[in-house]
Protein backbone atom coordinates (compact mmCIF):
# COMPACT_ATOMS: atom_id res chain seq x y z
CA MET A 1 -66.38 -56.29 26.00
CA GLN A 2 -67.30 -52.71 26.03
CA THR A 3 -64.36 -52.55 28.20
CA LYS A 4 -62.29 -53.72 25.28
CA VAL A 5 -63.84 -51.17 23.16
CA VAL A 6 -63.08 -48.42 25.09
CA ILE A 7 -59.50 -49.53 26.13
CA GLY A 8 -58.75 -50.86 22.43
CA THR A 9 -60.00 -47.03 21.23
CA LEU A 10 -57.94 -45.28 24.18
CA SER A 11 -54.74 -47.66 22.75
CA PHE A 12 -55.87 -46.29 19.31
CA MET A 13 -56.14 -42.50 20.06
CA LEU A 14 -52.84 -43.03 22.05
CA VAL A 15 -50.76 -44.53 19.43
CA MET A 16 -52.00 -41.76 16.79
CA ILE A 17 -51.17 -38.84 19.20
CA ILE A 18 -47.61 -40.32 19.24
CA LEU A 19 -47.50 -40.74 16.01
CA GLY A 20 -48.76 -37.06 15.32
CA LEU A 21 -46.21 -35.88 17.92
CA ALA A 22 -43.73 -38.03 16.04
CA ALA A 23 -44.36 -36.02 12.31
CA LEU A 24 -44.33 -33.03 14.54
CA LEU A 25 -41.25 -33.38 15.67
CA GLU A 26 -39.42 -35.43 12.46
CA PRO A 27 -38.18 -31.86 10.36
CA ALA A 28 -36.60 -30.21 13.57
CA SER A 29 -34.82 -33.75 14.39
CA LEU A 30 -33.86 -34.33 11.04
CA GLU A 31 -32.84 -30.24 10.64
CA ARG A 32 -30.56 -30.95 14.24
CA ILE A 33 -29.06 -33.97 12.23
CA THR A 34 -28.13 -32.32 9.11
CA GLU A 35 -26.57 -29.20 11.13
CA ALA A 36 -24.06 -31.77 13.02
CA ARG A 37 -23.41 -33.53 10.03
CA ALA A 38 -22.57 -29.95 8.03
CA GLY A 39 -20.69 -29.11 11.31
CA ARG A 40 -18.83 -32.24 11.09
CA GLN A 41 -18.06 -31.59 7.66
CA ILE A 42 -16.75 -28.32 8.55
CA GLU A 43 -14.28 -29.56 11.27
CA ALA A 44 -12.85 -32.14 9.03
CA GLY A 45 -12.48 -29.66 5.90
CA ALA A 46 -10.45 -27.34 7.86
CA VAL A 47 -8.00 -30.22 9.12
CA LEU A 48 -7.68 -30.95 5.46
CA PHE A 49 -7.45 -27.51 4.47
CA ASN A 50 -4.61 -26.89 6.85
CA GLU A 51 -2.63 -29.34 5.65
CA ASN A 52 -2.69 -28.68 2.14
CA CYS A 53 -3.97 -25.64 1.35
CA VAL A 54 -2.10 -22.69 3.27
CA GLU A 55 0.79 -22.98 1.44
CA CYS A 56 -0.70 -20.94 -1.65
CA HIS A 57 -3.88 -19.80 -0.39
CA GLY A 58 -3.06 -18.64 3.15
CA VAL A 59 -3.96 -19.03 6.78
CA ASP A 60 -7.66 -18.70 6.86
CA GLY A 61 -7.60 -18.50 3.10
CA LYS A 62 -6.96 -14.85 2.95
CA ALA A 63 -3.85 -15.23 0.71
CA GLN A 64 -1.88 -12.86 3.35
CA GLN A 65 0.09 -15.29 5.07
CA CYS A 66 1.16 -18.38 3.86
CA ILE A 67 2.91 -21.50 5.73
CA ASP A 68 5.16 -23.61 3.54
CA TYR A 69 5.44 -27.53 5.06
CA SER A 70 8.64 -26.87 6.78
CA GLY A 71 6.53 -24.33 8.76
CA GLU A 72 8.90 -21.11 7.42
CA GLU A 73 5.98 -18.30 6.10
CA LYS A 74 6.28 -17.65 2.56
CA GLY A 75 4.54 -15.28 -0.39
CA CYS A 76 1.24 -16.68 -1.20
CA SER A 77 0.75 -18.15 -5.05
CA GLY A 78 -3.23 -18.54 -4.47
CA LEU A 79 -5.65 -16.24 -4.88
CA PRO A 80 -7.43 -15.60 -1.84
CA LEU A 81 -10.91 -17.66 -0.99
CA ASN A 82 -12.15 -16.22 2.35
CA HIS A 83 -13.19 -12.90 -0.20
CA TYR A 84 -15.85 -11.26 -0.97
CA ALA A 85 -15.61 -11.36 -4.24
CA PHE A 86 -14.85 -14.94 -4.43
CA LEU A 87 -17.85 -16.16 -2.06
CA CYS A 88 -20.49 -13.30 -1.41
CA ASN A 89 -23.41 -12.39 -3.71
CA ASP A 90 -24.64 -15.35 -6.53
CA PRO A 91 -23.16 -15.16 -8.62
CA SER A 92 -20.09 -14.02 -6.79
CA GLU A 93 -17.76 -11.13 -9.03
CA ARG A 94 -15.31 -14.35 -9.74
CA MET A 95 -17.98 -16.55 -10.84
CA ALA A 96 -19.00 -13.75 -13.12
CA GLN A 97 -15.32 -13.10 -14.24
CA LEU A 98 -15.55 -16.74 -14.81
CA GLY A 99 -18.21 -17.01 -16.94
CA TRP A 100 -19.54 -19.87 -14.69
CA THR A 101 -23.45 -20.59 -14.44
CA GLY A 102 -23.50 -23.38 -11.84
CA SER A 103 -23.61 -22.98 -8.51
CA LYS A 104 -20.71 -21.93 -5.90
CA SER A 105 -20.21 -25.07 -4.40
CA ASP A 106 -19.73 -26.70 -8.10
CA LEU A 107 -17.15 -24.14 -9.13
CA ILE A 108 -15.26 -25.06 -5.62
CA PHE A 109 -15.46 -28.63 -5.81
CA GLN A 110 -14.54 -29.28 -9.26
CA THR A 111 -11.49 -26.09 -9.11
CA ILE A 112 -9.97 -28.51 -6.07
CA SER A 113 -11.29 -31.55 -8.16
CA ALA A 114 -9.10 -30.79 -11.28
CA GLY A 115 -6.95 -27.87 -10.10
CA ARG A 116 -6.17 -25.27 -12.91
CA PRO A 117 -3.87 -26.18 -15.45
CA GLY A 118 -1.32 -23.43 -16.56
CA THR A 119 -1.45 -22.52 -12.85
CA LEU A 120 0.02 -24.03 -9.42
CA MET A 121 -3.44 -25.44 -8.77
CA PRO A 122 -2.52 -29.27 -9.09
CA THR A 123 -5.72 -31.85 -9.07
CA TRP A 124 -6.77 -33.18 -5.95
CA SER A 125 -9.42 -35.80 -6.69
CA ASN A 126 -7.99 -39.42 -7.00
CA GLN A 127 -9.91 -39.91 -10.20
CA PHE A 128 -7.12 -37.52 -11.65
CA GLY A 129 -4.45 -39.18 -9.59
CA GLY A 130 -4.82 -36.71 -6.84
CA PRO A 131 -5.01 -37.72 -3.28
CA MET A 132 -8.20 -36.67 -1.97
CA GLU A 133 -11.28 -39.01 -2.25
CA GLU A 134 -14.43 -37.45 -2.91
CA TYR A 135 -15.94 -36.99 0.54
CA GLN A 136 -12.77 -35.26 1.20
CA LEU A 137 -13.30 -32.67 -1.61
CA GLU A 138 -16.81 -32.01 -0.18
CA GLN A 139 -15.31 -31.54 3.43
CA VAL A 140 -12.97 -28.82 1.92
CA THR A 141 -15.66 -27.38 -0.26
CA ALA A 142 -18.11 -26.94 3.15
CA TYR A 143 -15.58 -25.13 5.01
CA ILE A 144 -14.50 -22.82 2.26
CA LEU A 145 -18.22 -22.21 1.85
CA ASN A 146 -18.38 -21.65 5.49
CA TRP A 147 -16.73 -18.65 5.27
CA SER A 148 -19.50 -16.55 3.35
CA GLU A 149 -21.62 -17.35 6.42
CA ASP A 150 -19.78 -14.58 8.44
CA PRO A 151 -21.44 -11.32 8.23
CA ALA A 152 -18.48 -9.26 8.79
CA LEU A 153 -17.51 -10.81 4.88
CA CYS A 154 -20.96 -11.05 3.24
CA GLY A 155 -23.73 -9.35 5.61
CA ASP A 156 -25.82 -6.87 4.30
CA ASP A 157 -23.91 -3.95 6.37
CA VAL A 158 -20.90 -4.71 5.04
CA GLU A 159 -19.18 -1.29 3.28
CA ILE A 160 -16.69 -2.45 0.63
CA ILE A 161 -13.67 -0.18 0.93
CA THR A 162 -12.20 0.94 -2.11
CA VAL A 163 -9.50 3.40 -3.33
CA ASP A 164 -10.80 6.15 -5.67
CA TRP A 165 -8.15 5.81 -8.14
CA PRO A 166 -6.85 8.13 -10.46
CA ASP A 167 -7.29 7.26 -14.12
CA SER A 168 -3.74 7.99 -15.18
CA VAL A 169 -0.55 6.90 -13.48
CA GLU A 170 0.94 10.23 -13.58
CA ASP A 171 -1.64 11.27 -10.94
CA LEU A 172 0.01 9.29 -8.20
CA PRO A 173 2.53 10.09 -5.97
CA GLU A 174 5.98 10.04 -6.40
CA GLY A 175 7.38 6.34 -6.30
CA ASP A 176 10.21 5.39 -4.23
CA GLU A 177 11.96 1.90 -6.01
CA THR A 178 13.97 1.05 -2.79
CA SER A 179 9.76 0.34 -1.18
CA GLY A 180 8.59 -0.54 -4.14
CA GLU A 181 11.44 -3.68 -4.25
CA ALA A 182 10.67 -4.74 -0.74
CA LEU A 183 6.83 -4.19 -1.27
CA TYR A 184 6.84 -6.76 -4.44
CA GLN A 185 8.42 -9.27 -1.79
CA SER A 186 6.05 -8.60 0.88
CA ALA A 187 3.00 -8.18 -1.20
CA GLY A 188 3.74 -11.76 -2.18
CA CYS A 189 4.37 -10.61 -6.34
CA PHE A 190 7.45 -12.94 -6.44
CA ALA A 191 5.33 -16.25 -5.77
CA CYS A 192 4.04 -16.06 -8.90
CA HIS A 193 6.15 -13.73 -10.80
CA GLY A 194 9.71 -15.06 -9.64
CA GLN A 195 12.61 -13.74 -8.02
CA ILE A 196 14.12 -10.89 -10.45
CA ASP A 197 17.43 -12.47 -10.42
CA ASP A 198 16.50 -15.78 -11.37
CA PRO A 199 14.32 -16.18 -14.55
CA ASN A 200 13.64 -19.45 -13.96
CA SER A 201 11.88 -18.21 -10.84
CA ALA A 202 8.36 -17.27 -12.35
CA ALA A 203 5.92 -20.08 -11.61
CA VAL A 204 2.97 -19.02 -12.74
CA GLY A 205 3.08 -15.33 -14.07
CA PRO A 206 5.62 -13.71 -16.84
CA HIS A 207 9.23 -13.12 -15.39
CA GLN A 208 9.22 -8.93 -14.33
CA ALA A 209 13.10 -8.50 -15.24
CA ASN A 210 12.00 -6.99 -18.91
CA VAL A 211 8.82 -5.51 -17.33
CA ALA A 212 9.94 -2.03 -18.34
CA ASN A 213 10.65 -3.07 -21.67
CA ASP A 214 7.70 -5.37 -22.31
CA ALA A 215 4.76 -3.07 -20.65
CA ALA A 216 5.50 -0.18 -23.17
CA THR A 217 4.98 -2.37 -26.20
CA ARG A 218 1.51 -4.15 -24.75
CA VAL A 219 -1.18 -1.78 -25.70
CA PRO A 220 -0.62 1.10 -28.92
CA GLY A 221 -0.25 4.01 -27.33
CA MET A 222 0.16 3.44 -23.84
CA SER A 223 2.90 4.06 -21.79
CA ALA A 224 4.93 1.63 -19.43
CA GLU A 225 3.89 3.14 -16.42
CA GLN A 226 0.51 2.78 -17.11
CA TYR A 227 0.23 -0.04 -18.81
CA ILE A 228 2.15 -1.36 -15.21
CA TYR A 229 -0.48 0.82 -13.26
CA GLU A 230 -3.94 -0.49 -14.77
CA SER A 231 -2.74 -4.27 -14.66
CA ILE A 232 -1.69 -4.30 -11.31
CA LEU A 233 -5.34 -3.07 -10.55
CA ASP A 234 -7.21 -4.90 -13.25
CA PRO A 235 -5.36 -8.05 -14.33
CA ASN A 236 -7.60 -8.46 -17.16
CA ALA A 237 -7.56 -5.96 -18.90
CA PHE A 238 -4.45 -7.30 -21.12
CA ILE A 239 -3.27 -10.74 -20.77
CA ALA A 240 -0.01 -11.50 -21.46
CA PRO A 241 0.61 -14.68 -23.96
CA ASP A 242 3.24 -16.23 -22.63
CA CYS A 243 3.45 -17.51 -19.15
CA PRO A 244 5.83 -19.95 -17.38
CA ASN A 245 3.72 -22.97 -18.21
CA GLY A 246 2.42 -21.77 -21.80
CA PRO A 247 -0.08 -19.50 -22.74
CA CYS A 248 -1.51 -16.91 -20.37
CA ASN A 249 -4.56 -18.03 -18.85
CA ASP A 250 -7.72 -16.18 -19.71
CA PRO A 251 -9.33 -14.97 -17.07
CA SER A 252 -6.07 -13.95 -15.47
CA GLN A 253 -5.07 -15.69 -12.42
CA MET A 254 -3.33 -13.20 -10.15
CA ARG A 255 -4.95 -11.55 -7.71
CA LEU A 256 -7.68 -8.68 -8.26
CA ASP A 257 -7.44 -7.45 -4.53
CA TYR A 258 -4.65 -5.51 -4.86
CA GLY A 259 -6.74 -1.94 -5.60
CA GLY A 260 -7.94 -2.74 -2.05
CA VAL A 261 -4.68 -3.59 -0.43
CA LEU A 262 -2.40 -0.91 -1.53
CA ASP A 263 -2.50 2.83 -1.35
CA GLU A 264 -1.50 5.26 -3.36
CA GLN A 265 2.02 5.19 -2.12
CA GLY A 266 2.68 1.97 -2.50
CA MET A 267 1.52 1.64 -5.99
CA ALA A 268 3.56 4.47 -7.03
CA ASP A 269 6.77 2.76 -5.33
CA LEU A 270 5.69 -0.56 -7.26
CA VAL A 271 5.53 1.23 -10.64
CA ALA A 272 8.82 3.06 -10.07
CA PHE A 273 10.19 -0.64 -9.07
CA PHE A 274 8.94 -1.88 -11.78
CA MET A 275 10.43 0.88 -13.94
CA THR A 276 13.73 0.11 -13.34
CA LEU A 277 13.52 -4.05 -14.46
CA ASP A 278 14.60 -3.14 -17.90
CA GLY A 279 16.86 -6.29 -18.52
CA GLY A 280 19.65 -4.34 -17.92
CA GLN A 281 19.66 -2.60 -21.10
């Protein structure tokens, strides 16, 4: 009888030790399972992004190298997503600009789901007539958010390089309109504003064939050159009234990072080119 009691006691103690070890190891196990699931989501999201999003947002989401469905390079018409202003800090600069009070994940998920009216961003959720199911939207969201884990993008030691732009366009170097015309293509301006000789080619922003005249009327007391200059640096300083699909979106859908992409000579060249676009007058 005494032997049975001892065996029972030892068995009970062994079971409790096993349960205790399991309890200690459970959080680590759950963490590994969660990390593995997150990894699979990101991998699946990368495939979906490369199949559906690089045409507008570019390879790696930087809106620098865009590829159409035939494999040819084209101008990027989407905003950069793999970008400090979009992903870093909470709220990020883009969230603050939009007045978004929810989470970054929700902003990305809802934008993919419902698209952006008045832009080329379509609806992707099958709830709104798009091709993707909810789990696929979550995968693409996870892939985009994963870029923020890159220390080179959002790390504490990242130095945000900005050009100390002069207040006045008159302080820029002399511009070359031919170089500006080439930059209009290489910087992807045509993707939203269209080709100058085709008024029906503008997809998102106003067509620019008459911009030299239009710019002179936008802000009282501001020259056309100054208006163009400020509009490139800060697209939200003045929202043009009319875009190809109706009233222009506020905030602007134009890229916000040209102030960090262009140098002073490139800016001067673009302004010089735009000032030749007077509708043939």
